[in-house]
Every structure is written in structure tokens, then in C-alpha cells.
Protein backbone atom coordinates (compact mmCIF):
# COMPACT_ATOMS: atom_id res chain seq x y z
CA MET A 1 -13.79 -3.92 0.41
CA THR A 2 -15.59 -4.98 3.59
CA HIS A 3 -12.26 -5.79 5.18
CA GLU A 4 -10.89 -2.34 4.37
CA PHE A 5 -13.79 -0.70 6.23
CA LYS A 6 -13.98 -3.13 9.15
CA THR A 7 -10.29 -2.94 10.05
CA PRO A 8 -10.19 0.77 11.05
CA LEU A 9 -13.65 0.44 12.65
CA SER A 10 -12.42 -2.45 14.76
CA THR A 11 -9.33 -0.46 15.78
CA ILE A 12 -11.43 2.56 16.81
CA SER A 13 -13.88 0.31 18.69
CA VAL A 14 -11.07 -1.28 20.73
CA ILE A 15 -9.54 2.11 21.55
CA GLN A 16 -12.97 3.44 22.60
CA GLN A 17 -13.23 0.63 25.16
CA VAL A 18 -9.73 1.37 26.49
CA ILE A 19 -10.18 5.10 26.83
CA SER A 20 -13.56 4.59 28.56
CA ASP A 21 -11.56 3.45 31.62
CA PRO A 22 -11.38 6.43 34.02
CA GLU A 23 -7.85 5.39 34.96
CA ILE A 24 -6.60 6.33 31.45
CA ILE A 25 -6.45 9.97 32.50
CA LYS A 26 -3.51 9.08 34.76
CA THR A 27 -1.42 8.25 31.69
CA PRO A 28 -1.80 11.29 29.39
CA GLN A 29 0.89 10.12 26.96
CA ARG A 30 -0.95 6.88 26.38
CA LEU A 31 -4.20 8.76 25.91
CA ALA A 32 -2.54 11.09 23.37
CA THR A 33 -1.22 8.09 21.46
CA TYR A 34 -4.74 6.58 21.25
CA ALA A 35 -6.17 9.88 20.10
CA GLN A 36 -3.57 10.03 17.33
CA ILE A 37 -4.46 6.50 16.20
CA ILE A 38 -8.14 7.39 16.10
CA GLY A 39 -7.27 10.37 13.89
CA VAL A 40 -5.28 8.22 11.49
CA GLU A 41 -7.99 5.54 11.25
CA THR A 42 -10.71 8.17 10.74
CA ARG A 43 -8.77 9.74 7.85
CA ARG A 44 -8.28 6.28 6.39
CA LEU A 45 -12.02 5.65 6.51
CA ASN A 46 -12.74 9.02 4.88
CA GLU A 47 -10.27 8.26 2.10
CA GLN A 48 -11.88 4.87 1.42
CA VAL A 49 -15.35 6.41 1.30
CA GLU A 50 -14.13 9.07 -1.14
CA LYS A 51 -12.60 6.41 -3.39
CA VAL A 52 -15.87 4.47 -3.55
CA LEU A 53 -17.87 7.64 -4.23
CA ASN A 54 -15.49 8.69 -7.01
CA ILE A 55 -15.70 5.28 -8.68
CA THR A 56 -19.52 5.34 -8.50
CA LYS A 57 -19.57 8.77 -10.19
CA LEU A 58 -17.15 7.58 -12.87
CA GLU A 59 -19.22 4.52 -13.67
CA LYS A 60 -22.47 6.50 -13.83
CA LYS A 61 -20.79 9.21 -15.91
CA GLN A 62 -21.81 11.74 -13.22
CA PHE A 63 -18.49 13.56 -13.04
CA GLU A 64 -17.28 16.60 -14.89
CA LEU A 65 -13.74 17.63 -15.69
CA HIS A 66 -12.91 21.17 -14.62
CA LEU A 67 -10.13 21.83 -17.08
CA GLU A 68 -7.50 24.48 -16.46
CA THR A 69 -3.83 25.04 -17.26
CA ILE A 70 -1.91 23.40 -14.44
CA ASN A 71 1.73 23.34 -13.44
CA VAL A 72 2.64 19.64 -13.33
CA ASN A 73 5.83 20.19 -11.36
CA GLU A 74 3.95 22.03 -8.66
CA ILE A 75 1.41 19.27 -8.22
CA ILE A 76 4.06 16.55 -8.20
CA GLU A 77 5.87 18.38 -5.40
CA GLN A 78 2.61 18.53 -3.46
CA VAL A 79 2.11 14.79 -3.86
CA VAL A 80 5.69 14.09 -2.73
CA TYR A 81 5.28 16.32 0.30
CA SER A 82 2.05 14.57 1.27
CA LEU A 83 3.51 11.10 0.86
CA THR A 84 6.62 11.87 2.89
CA HIS A 85 4.32 12.79 5.74
CA THR A 86 2.31 9.56 5.47
CA ASP A 87 3.06 6.50 7.60
CA PHE A 88 3.37 3.54 5.20
CA GLU A 89 4.98 1.35 7.86
CA LYS A 90 8.10 1.11 5.71
CA THR A 91 11.02 3.35 4.72
CA LEU A 92 10.14 5.66 1.84
CA ASP A 93 12.83 7.18 -0.38
CA ILE A 94 11.02 9.40 -2.90
CA SER A 95 12.62 11.99 -5.21
CA THR A 96 11.87 13.95 -8.36
CA ASN A 97 13.72 14.42 -11.63
CA MET A 98 11.98 17.21 -13.58
CA LYS A 99 13.76 17.52 -16.92
CA ALA A 100 10.87 18.98 -18.94
CA SER A 101 11.24 22.72 -19.62
CA ASN A 102 7.54 22.88 -20.70
CA TYR A 103 5.49 21.38 -17.84
CA THR A 104 1.97 22.78 -18.18
CA ILE A 105 -0.99 20.71 -19.34
CA LEU A 106 -4.74 21.22 -19.61
CA ALA A 107 -6.30 19.05 -16.92
CA ASP A 108 -8.59 18.80 -13.96
CA ARG A 109 -6.33 19.78 -11.06
CA VAL A 110 -8.00 17.57 -8.44
CA HIS A 111 -8.16 14.49 -10.66
CA PHE A 112 -4.57 14.92 -11.86
CA HIS A 113 -3.36 15.19 -8.27
CA ASN A 114 -5.29 12.02 -7.41
CA VAL A 115 -3.91 10.15 -10.40
CA ILE A 116 -0.26 10.89 -9.54
CA SER A 117 -0.96 10.14 -5.90
CA ASN A 118 -2.69 6.82 -6.66
CA ILE A 119 0.11 5.57 -8.94
CA THR A 120 2.77 6.58 -6.42
CA GLU A 121 0.97 5.06 -3.45
CA ASN A 122 0.59 1.86 -5.44
CA ALA A 123 4.35 1.84 -6.09
CA VAL A 124 4.97 2.20 -2.37
CA LYS A 125 2.52 -0.57 -1.42
CA TYR A 126 4.13 -3.06 -3.76
CA SER A 127 7.65 -2.31 -2.63
CA ALA A 128 9.52 -4.25 0.03
CA ALA A 129 10.66 -2.85 3.38
CA GLU A 130 12.18 0.15 1.60
CA ALA A 131 10.33 1.88 -1.24
CA ASN A 132 12.48 3.72 -3.77
CA ILE A 133 10.35 5.95 -5.95
CA VAL A 134 11.31 8.55 -8.54
CA ILE A 135 8.79 10.81 -10.29
CA SER A 136 10.22 12.37 -13.44
CA THR A 137 9.09 14.54 -16.33
CA VAL A 138 10.49 14.85 -19.82
CA GLU A 139 9.12 16.40 -22.97
CA HIS A 140 9.06 14.79 -26.37
CA LYS A 141 7.90 17.03 -29.20
CA ASP A 142 4.56 18.40 -28.02
CA LYS A 143 4.00 15.76 -25.35
CA LEU A 144 4.83 15.71 -21.63
CA HIS A 145 5.86 12.32 -20.24
CA ILE A 146 5.27 11.94 -16.50
CA THR A 147 6.82 8.75 -15.08
CA VAL A 148 6.57 7.15 -11.66
CA SER A 149 9.36 4.60 -11.29
CA ASP A 150 9.83 2.12 -8.50
CA LYS A 151 12.13 -0.77 -7.60
CA GLY A 152 9.38 -2.90 -6.19
CA GLU A 153 8.15 -6.42 -6.83
CA GLY A 154 7.40 -5.77 -10.50
CA ILE A 155 4.49 -7.19 -12.46
CA GLU A 156 4.32 -10.35 -14.52
CA LYS A 157 3.55 -9.83 -18.18
CA LYS A 158 0.31 -11.80 -17.95
CA GLU A 159 -0.88 -9.45 -15.15
CA LEU A 160 -0.25 -6.19 -16.99
CA LYS A 161 -3.40 -6.27 -19.08
CA LYS A 162 -5.54 -6.76 -15.96
CA ILE A 163 -4.14 -4.14 -13.59
CA PHE A 164 -6.69 -1.43 -14.68
CA ASP A 165 -9.65 -3.74 -14.05
CA LYS A 166 -11.95 -2.80 -11.18
CA PHE A 167 -11.15 -4.65 -7.91
CA TYR A 168 -8.17 -6.39 -9.51
CA ARG A 169 -5.16 -6.85 -7.27
CA ILE A 170 -1.88 -8.39 -8.34
CA SER A 171 -1.88 -12.02 -7.21
CA LYS A 172 1.88 -12.51 -6.95
CA GLY A 173 3.81 -11.51 -3.85
CA ASN A 174 2.95 -10.81 -0.24
CA THR A 175 -0.37 -9.18 -1.12
CA HIS A 176 -2.06 -10.01 2.19
CA ASN A 177 -0.10 -7.06 3.60
CA VAL A 178 -1.17 -4.73 0.78
CA LYS A 179 -4.13 -2.59 1.75
CA GLY A 180 -6.70 -1.33 -0.73
CA PHE A 181 -9.76 -2.16 -2.82
CA GLY A 182 -8.09 -2.62 -6.15
CA LEU A 183 -9.76 0.59 -7.32
CA GLY A 184 -6.79 2.95 -7.53
CA LEU A 185 -5.55 1.99 -10.98
CA PHE A 186 -9.09 1.59 -12.29
CA TYR A 187 -9.65 5.21 -11.29
CA VAL A 188 -6.36 6.21 -12.94
CA LYS A 189 -7.40 4.62 -16.24
CA GLN A 190 -10.84 6.19 -16.22
CA ILE A 191 -9.41 9.65 -15.60
CA ALA A 192 -6.69 9.18 -18.21
CA ASP A 193 -9.27 8.15 -20.80
CA ALA A 194 -11.45 11.15 -19.96
CA HIS A 195 -8.45 13.47 -20.53
CA LYS A 196 -7.33 11.48 -23.61
CA TRP A 197 -4.01 10.73 -22.00
CA LYS A 198 -1.98 7.65 -22.91
CA ILE A 199 -0.53 5.36 -20.25
CA ASN A 200 2.55 3.23 -20.82
CA ILE A 201 3.70 0.55 -18.38
CA HIS A 202 7.06 -1.17 -18.30
CA SER A 203 7.65 -3.74 -15.61
CA ALA A 204 9.81 -6.74 -14.77
CA PRO A 205 9.42 -9.04 -11.75
CA GLY A 206 12.10 -8.35 -9.17
CA VAL A 207 13.24 -5.19 -10.98
CA GLY A 208 10.35 -2.70 -10.65
CA THR A 209 7.76 -0.80 -12.60
CA ASP A 210 7.53 2.43 -14.61
CA PHE A 211 4.11 4.07 -15.11
CA THR A 212 4.19 6.84 -17.71
CA ILE A 213 1.36 9.27 -18.44
CA ILE A 214 1.63 11.05 -21.77
CA ALA A 215 -0.29 14.30 -22.08
CA ASP A 216 -0.36 17.24 -24.50
CA ILE A 217 1.75 20.18 -23.45
CA LYS A 218 -0.26 23.42 -23.05
CA LYS A 219 1.81 26.26 -24.45
């Protein structure tokens, strides 16, 4: 966790020293690039702080669900749009396959958005140079199945039961390049439990992973 805070702070500190040089004004393009980097790192810091605050609230049971009828397709499209405009330092191929004709559920809009975003970001992080992600929906009786599929590293069977543990990060693979606290899936599980959603995971090393959230359809 300390590393995840110190890295952007170190980057900002170095840039601050560079742009303190009066000569930097003679290269406006370079200055603009540094300003952009500061913006990216600042957002990254804010996101990390929000994650820690959310986890603290969850653990202390200090959060409330603001339930409303939400359009799952609409929120998935918002997540996809946001991710396609995020620099993951790798190629991202993300698409949707919405087959469900009934796609409304009773949920907290903000937390649902965060859950889909966290699962999808995790899929991107544990993919190789190119991340191939598909978010799909299908209905089965009175349930809506929302699945995030990737063709990433996959997860060993022995690891599956641990992935929702706080601070746990998958040990196999090139994880030193994977940023994060190991809080994303912990948060996902806490929110799923609070909504009484079921989560299914199917994964195979070298093949990829499917995360499926199963929620009651709101008719």
C-alpha cells in the first residue's frame, strides 16, 4: 500500500523540480506534457485514497446502500467508455454482448458501477500486452447474469478461494508490474454480499477468467 502512494508522489516530486527551472518556459510542449503527467498521478492518488476510505467504511459497517432500479446495460456502457479512455500501458480490446432482454436490477448505482469497474480493471491488469475483455449479460429465469470475461493469465484453482481476501494478490505471473493494493476484489465481495448477489468464477491458467455476478431482475 505504501508503494502505491509513494510512486505517484515521487513522480510528482521529480516533475516539480524540473518545472521549477525557469528555462522550462522555453519548451511549452514539454511543460504541457509534465502538467498532463501531474494530472494523471493526482487522479491516481485520489482513486487510491477513495479505495482505502471505502474499505474502512465497509469494515466498520458505516456504509449504506442507496437502492434504486438501475439499467445495467447503461452502467456497463459507462464503465466501458471510461476504461477505453484510461491509459493501461497496454492495448485494450473491450466489447459488450448484452443478450438479456430484462436488464434492470435493484442496486446502489455507485457501488454497482464500482464493482463492474473493479472486476474489469482487474481483468486488464492480469492480461498480457493486449487485454481482450468482453462484458456480457444474459437472463436465466428471474436472474440476471453479468459476466466479465478475459483471456488473461488465468488463476490457479488453489488461488481462487483466496482472491476475495483483503490485500491478497495472485502470486503467479509477472505481478511486480501489476499495480494495486489487493483491495478491489475484497470490495467487490463485500458489496455483492450486501446486495445478496452471488458471484461465480471460472478460470484456467493460460486461458482466462470469467467473473459472473448473479442478481435478481427487477420487473
